[in-house]
Structure formats: structure tokens, C-alpha cells
């Protein structure tokens, strides 16, 4: 009689095995979440470490070009005094996940609304900044 139960339980055991193993894998190797990438970016700007901030970008442009762009923003806006994330939108696309994070930022010369568009490819464990959008706030 006990051998007759084994075939009946086999599908349930296989399902349990699949569910258990699906939680394993490269999750421990994944980089920081999008919110933390944004935090690292703005903390690097606050410290004036434009090289560290540029390292968070997608490698489509030379790092020196990104560093120069960040330095030019600082010259126009002043030093970053504070930042706060307003919201985040996550969109899954065929090739990965895109994150759009908006921040309220305060510089010595201006208050702004900024956006960071980030992307995580299906073939990469790290979320990287693609675009930084800087806009002045409109008066309400």
C-alpha cells in the first residue's frame, strides 16, 4: 500500500522542489536596489566625488565626459545641500527593468526637481544610471 501513495505524491513533491529552488540563485550577487543607487549618487555629489558618481552610470559614454558634466552642474547650481526622493516608477521591459526616480534637491543657488533614469539589464546584476534630468521647480 505505501508504494501506491508515492506516485500520487510525486507531483506535489516536484512542485515543492521547484518552488524551493526558484528562490536560490544569483540573488546574493545582486547589486544595491535603485533607491540605494540614487542615495550613493547624491552622497557622492554632496562630497564632491564626481568620479564615484560617474561610476554609477551606464558605460555608454566616457567616464571623463560624465565627470565633466557633473562638475559643470555644480558650477552652475552650487554645492548640493540636501536631497529627498519624491517617488519612483518601475517598468519591466523585454531587456530588463527601468527605474525612474524623482528627487527634490536643494543647492546653494537653486532648488530643483531632478530625475534619475536607471536600468538593470537581464544580463547584469547592477542597476546603473542612464540619464540625469535636472529641472527648476515651478512656483505653485
Protein backbone atom coordinates (compact mmCIF):
# COMPACT_ATOMS: atom_id res chain seq x y z
CA UNK A 1 0.00 0.00 0.00
CA UNK A 2 2.70 2.63 0.80
CA UNK A 3 4.19 2.28 -2.70
CA UNK A 4 0.83 3.34 -4.21
CA UNK A 5 0.99 6.71 -2.40
CA UNK A 6 4.39 7.65 -3.84
CA UNK A 7 3.14 8.20 -7.44
CA UNK A 8 0.23 10.30 -6.14
CA UNK A 9 2.58 12.50 -4.07
CA UNK A 10 5.23 12.87 -6.77
CA UNK A 11 3.68 15.97 -8.48
CA UNK A 12 3.33 17.72 -5.13
CA UNK A 13 6.94 16.92 -4.20
CA UNK A 14 8.20 18.16 -7.58
CA UNK A 15 6.26 21.40 -7.20
CA UNK A 16 7.68 21.91 -3.72
CA UNK A 17 11.20 21.31 -5.06
CA UNK A 18 10.72 23.81 -7.91
CA UNK A 19 9.34 26.50 -5.59
CA UNK A 20 12.18 25.97 -3.13
CA UNK A 21 14.90 26.11 -5.78
CA UNK A 22 13.43 29.16 -7.54
CA UNK A 23 14.36 31.23 -4.50
CA UNK A 24 18.01 30.25 -4.91
CA UNK A 25 20.47 31.57 -7.41
CA UNK A 26 22.37 34.79 -8.02
CA UNK A 27 20.23 36.90 -5.67
CA UNK A 28 23.14 37.21 -3.25
CA UNK A 29 25.30 38.65 -6.02
CA UNK A 30 22.85 41.39 -6.99
CA UNK A 31 23.87 45.00 -6.57
CA UNK A 32 22.07 47.58 -4.48
CA UNK A 33 18.42 48.47 -5.17
CA UNK A 34 17.56 51.58 -7.22
CA UNK A 35 16.88 53.71 -4.13
CA UNK A 36 20.33 52.93 -2.80
CA UNK A 37 21.98 53.72 -6.15
CA UNK A 38 20.28 57.13 -6.01
CA UNK A 39 21.47 57.58 -2.43
CA UNK A 40 25.05 56.70 -3.42
CA UNK A 41 24.87 59.11 -6.36
CA UNK A 42 23.67 62.11 -4.33
CA UNK A 43 26.02 61.39 -1.43
CA UNK A 44 28.94 61.37 -3.90
CA UNK A 45 27.74 64.71 -5.31
CA UNK A 46 27.47 66.15 -1.80
CA UNK A 47 31.09 65.16 -1.11
CA UNK A 48 32.23 66.49 -4.48
CA UNK A 49 33.34 63.00 -5.52
CA UNK A 50 32.28 63.23 -9.15
CA UNK A 51 34.32 60.17 -10.13
CA UNK A 52 32.36 57.98 -7.70
CA UNK A 53 29.10 59.47 -9.00
CA UNK A 54 30.18 58.83 -12.62
CA UNK A 55 30.98 55.20 -11.77
CA UNK A 56 27.24 54.64 -11.18
CA UNK A 57 26.40 55.45 -14.81
CA UNK A 58 25.95 53.04 -17.71
CA UNK A 59 29.25 52.72 -19.55
CA UNK A 60 27.96 54.17 -22.84
CA UNK A 61 29.94 57.42 -22.53
CA UNK A 62 33.49 58.00 -21.36
CA UNK A 63 33.67 58.45 -17.58
CA UNK A 64 35.69 61.68 -18.02
CA UNK A 65 32.78 63.16 -20.01
CA UNK A 66 30.31 62.33 -17.23
CA UNK A 67 32.64 63.76 -14.57
CA UNK A 68 32.95 66.99 -16.57
CA UNK A 69 29.16 67.21 -16.90
CA UNK A 70 28.72 66.75 -13.14
CA UNK A 71 31.35 69.42 -12.42
CA UNK A 72 29.58 71.85 -14.77
CA UNK A 73 26.27 71.29 -12.96
CA UNK A 74 27.95 72.02 -9.65
CA UNK A 75 29.45 75.26 -11.01
CA UNK A 76 26.01 76.43 -12.15
CA UNK A 77 23.96 75.23 -9.18
CA UNK A 78 26.39 75.45 -6.28
CA UNK A 79 27.01 72.77 -3.69
CA UNK A 80 24.35 70.16 -3.03
CA UNK A 81 22.84 70.84 0.39
CA UNK A 82 20.03 68.28 0.54
CA UNK A 83 18.04 65.77 -1.48
CA UNK A 84 14.93 63.71 -0.91
CA UNK A 85 13.34 61.09 -3.10
CA UNK A 86 9.76 62.02 -4.08
CA UNK A 87 8.69 58.92 -5.95
CA UNK A 88 9.75 56.01 -8.10
CA UNK A 89 8.26 54.27 -11.13
CA UNK A 90 9.37 50.78 -12.11
CA UNK A 91 8.80 49.42 -15.60
CA UNK A 92 9.71 45.96 -16.80
CA UNK A 93 10.81 45.75 -20.43
CA UNK A 94 11.94 42.78 -22.50
CA UNK A 95 15.63 43.52 -21.92
CA UNK A 96 15.46 44.37 -18.21
CA UNK A 97 13.96 46.76 -15.67
CA UNK A 98 13.87 50.56 -15.92
CA UNK A 99 13.57 52.75 -12.82
CA UNK A 100 12.60 56.41 -12.80
CA UNK A 101 13.31 58.16 -9.51
CA UNK A 102 12.40 61.81 -8.83
CA UNK A 103 14.11 63.90 -6.19
CA UNK A 104 13.67 67.30 -4.58
CA UNK A 105 17.14 68.78 -4.38
CA UNK A 106 18.46 71.93 -2.77
CA UNK A 107 21.70 73.52 -3.95
CA UNK A 108 23.30 76.68 -2.63
CA UNK A 109 21.97 78.62 -5.63
CA UNK A 110 18.71 76.81 -6.57
CA UNK A 111 16.02 74.38 -5.56
CA UNK A 112 15.30 71.77 -8.21
CA UNK A 113 13.36 68.71 -9.19
CA UNK A 114 15.65 66.05 -10.62
CA UNK A 115 15.09 62.68 -12.19
CA UNK A 116 17.36 59.69 -12.41
CA UNK A 117 16.53 57.13 -15.05
CA UNK A 118 18.20 53.83 -14.25
CA UNK A 119 18.33 50.50 -15.99
CA UNK A 120 19.10 46.93 -14.99
CA UNK A 121 19.70 44.60 -17.91
CA UNK A 122 18.58 40.99 -17.66
CA UNK A 123 22.25 40.07 -18.12
CA UNK A 124 23.56 42.35 -15.32
CA UNK A 125 23.02 42.26 -11.56
CA UNK A 126 23.67 46.00 -11.20
CA UNK A 127 21.33 48.93 -11.67
CA UNK A 128 23.06 51.79 -13.49
CA UNK A 129 22.13 55.41 -14.16
CA UNK A 130 21.33 56.14 -17.80
CA UNK A 131 20.13 59.74 -17.60
CA UNK A 132 20.02 62.53 -15.05
CA UNK A 133 17.36 65.14 -15.72
CA UNK A 134 17.60 68.49 -13.89
CA UNK A 135 14.59 70.84 -13.91
CA UNK A 136 13.87 74.00 -11.94
CA UNK A 137 10.75 73.88 -9.81
CA UNK A 138 7.76 75.85 -10.99
CA UNK A 139 6.19 78.20 -8.45
CA UNK A 140 2.81 77.00 -7.13
